[in-house]
Amino acid sequence: MLEIGSLIDGKYKILNKIGQGSMGVVYLAMNERANKPWAIKEVRRDGVKDFELVKQGLIVEANILKRLRHPRLPSIVDVIENEDTFLIVMDYIEGNTLEKVLEEYGALPQENVIQWAKQLCDVLGYLHSRNPPIIHRDIKPKNIMLKPDGDIMLFDFGTAREFKERNVKDTVCLGTIGYAAPEQFGGQGQTDARTDIYGLGATLYHLVTGRSPAEPPYEIRPIREINPTLSSGFERIILKCTQRDPAARYQSCAELMYALEHYEEMDDYYKKGQKKKLFLFFAAAIMTIAFSAVSVFGYVSAEQKLGEDYDMILTESSGANLSAVEKENLLLQAMSVLPGDSRAYLQLIDLFLSGDDSVFTKEEAAVITQIKAGLDQTDGQGISSTIYPLDTLKSQNPEGYAEVSYQIGLAYWYDYEVVSERRSSAVEWFSNAIEKYPIAQTFVDIGECHQDIRKFSGQQRTEDMYSAYGELWDKLNQLFKNTYDIEDNDTKILVWNEIADTISDRAGYFISVTSAEEMQSLLDEIKKEAEDLQSITKYQDVKRIINELLQKIDLAMNRVESALG
């Protein structure tokens, strides 16, 4: 061991010991000429097994850090080597490792952990963007330093390696059990950027739950099973980071950073609205249509690696034993394989609107936004690129793009959980579908009318307000007339519900721009059409949905009577 007060290499005075690990001791030293503190890591031949192997790891670490410049990485300034000792002189980082912080405080605040996650994404993104990319391979709380200002630093590059495109697998399998990705232990190809994403996900799990994945039972559970107050959006991010299959994880730190910046939009903690039985039936019908276009080749195991052709991925995504997240990941993979085919997009919308609750959540809306903004993908050689699936779909398959836009518009209009944003969010998508679906223009017009009307919220009734309601009334009549040209009965029922709901909610305003007789006449026409459809359909679900519609119409009639009074 170095003696306190001794002078190393004629310039570094050892002040005291500040840390000790399995491979050596770390000292605080002072360069008295420069009046600057440094950290010196000492590894002695008599202190470790396989000294030469450890020494080679330290040389790798030193060589990597020497050519890196990032505010969250320590700098190497000197390497001092002799027969029995190896010393690395590096920046002194004041603070504690996150491992020590966990030991002292236990589970750490979610807000802090998310901020650290963003900082780690930034530094890992820097490492992965080097040429060749640098893979850390040992992301864990022990290797992350928390400074007094609340920021973090990443260190210990002893297991890092440079990504080599031609390599089939890593030469040496290194990493810490619990934090290391499955591919670090051989048999699954070489490690790449997604390996560090796994380690980061495992680290975030430990920080936010206080439970180490490196200790029994060696598992990463949904974090809200441990602490129900945590964000479901953050839970989803951690689970995606730690998927066994690298293709099911975030494919780059940029993609992960985007998710972290929008985790609240992915959060389903908010109370969801009343179940939409009507759209459940509609979604099931569309799903049947979409699936009928897919060649069914039989059940494909969820453990099977991706890389099959587009149709096989779609078939795999319909597997009964898959979770919703696994199905979503497969559909996103299909979009990256063949972005000009609309089937994967339609199946994703169906997936979001299926199940016991057909609410279109903020989390699901964030996925649609992500597809629109671009998806990161990695080819077989680990080279990352960004594709813009919807742009490709629009250019290669305009009709498919219009259909996808129309279905997204319907999802926002009828089932988005943020009720106040339903119409405004839907208008953008409906506007992309007008050429193929003329009724989309009416939805756009109605949405714009509602946006105009919202300007008058809480104000006295004025001529401009009446003008806006008059325009909305005209659009409702046009919307009803458009249903005569619609062959799909499910869509007709959706439109009839929209009209009945709007009249019921706004009868007190409509009475100033039209007569009670006109409102009742329109409701009577809808009622007649609905009863005719009910009399001929053989589906009990449809009959029940129409019964609910007829009850809405009766309520709207009563509201009209009240408005007249």
Foldseek 3Di string as FASTA:
>chain_A
DDDQQDDPPNFWHFHAWDDADQFFTKTWTARVVVRAIKIKTKGFQVRHPPVVLLVVLVVVQQVVQCPDDDPQEKHWDDWDDDDTMTMTIIHDADAAFQVVVCVVPFADDPVLLLVQLLVVLVVQQVQVPDVQHKDQQEQASRQWGQHPVSYIHGGDSSPIDGADLPFFADPAQDYQQLLFAPRSVPDRGYDHSLRVLSNSLQRSQCRRQSDHCNDPPNDRDQSCVRPVVDFVLNSLLSVQSNDNASLSHALGSVSSSLSSVCSVLLGPPDDFDDADLLVQVVLVVLLVVLCVVADAPDEDDLPDHDDDALSVLQNNLPHPPDDLSSSLSSLVVSCVRPLQDLSSLSNLLSSCQYDPGRANGSSNVVVVVDLQVWGWDADSSRDIDTDNSLVNNCVNPVQSSLVSLQSVLVNLQPHYRVPVCSLVVSLVSLVSNCVPPVLSVLSNQLSVLVVQLVVCPPHDDDPSNLVSLLSNVVSLVVSLVCVVVDPDVSVNLVSLLVSLVCLLVCLLSVVVNDPLVVSLVVLVVSLVVLVVVLVPDPDPSSVVSSVVSVVSSVSSNVSNVVSVD
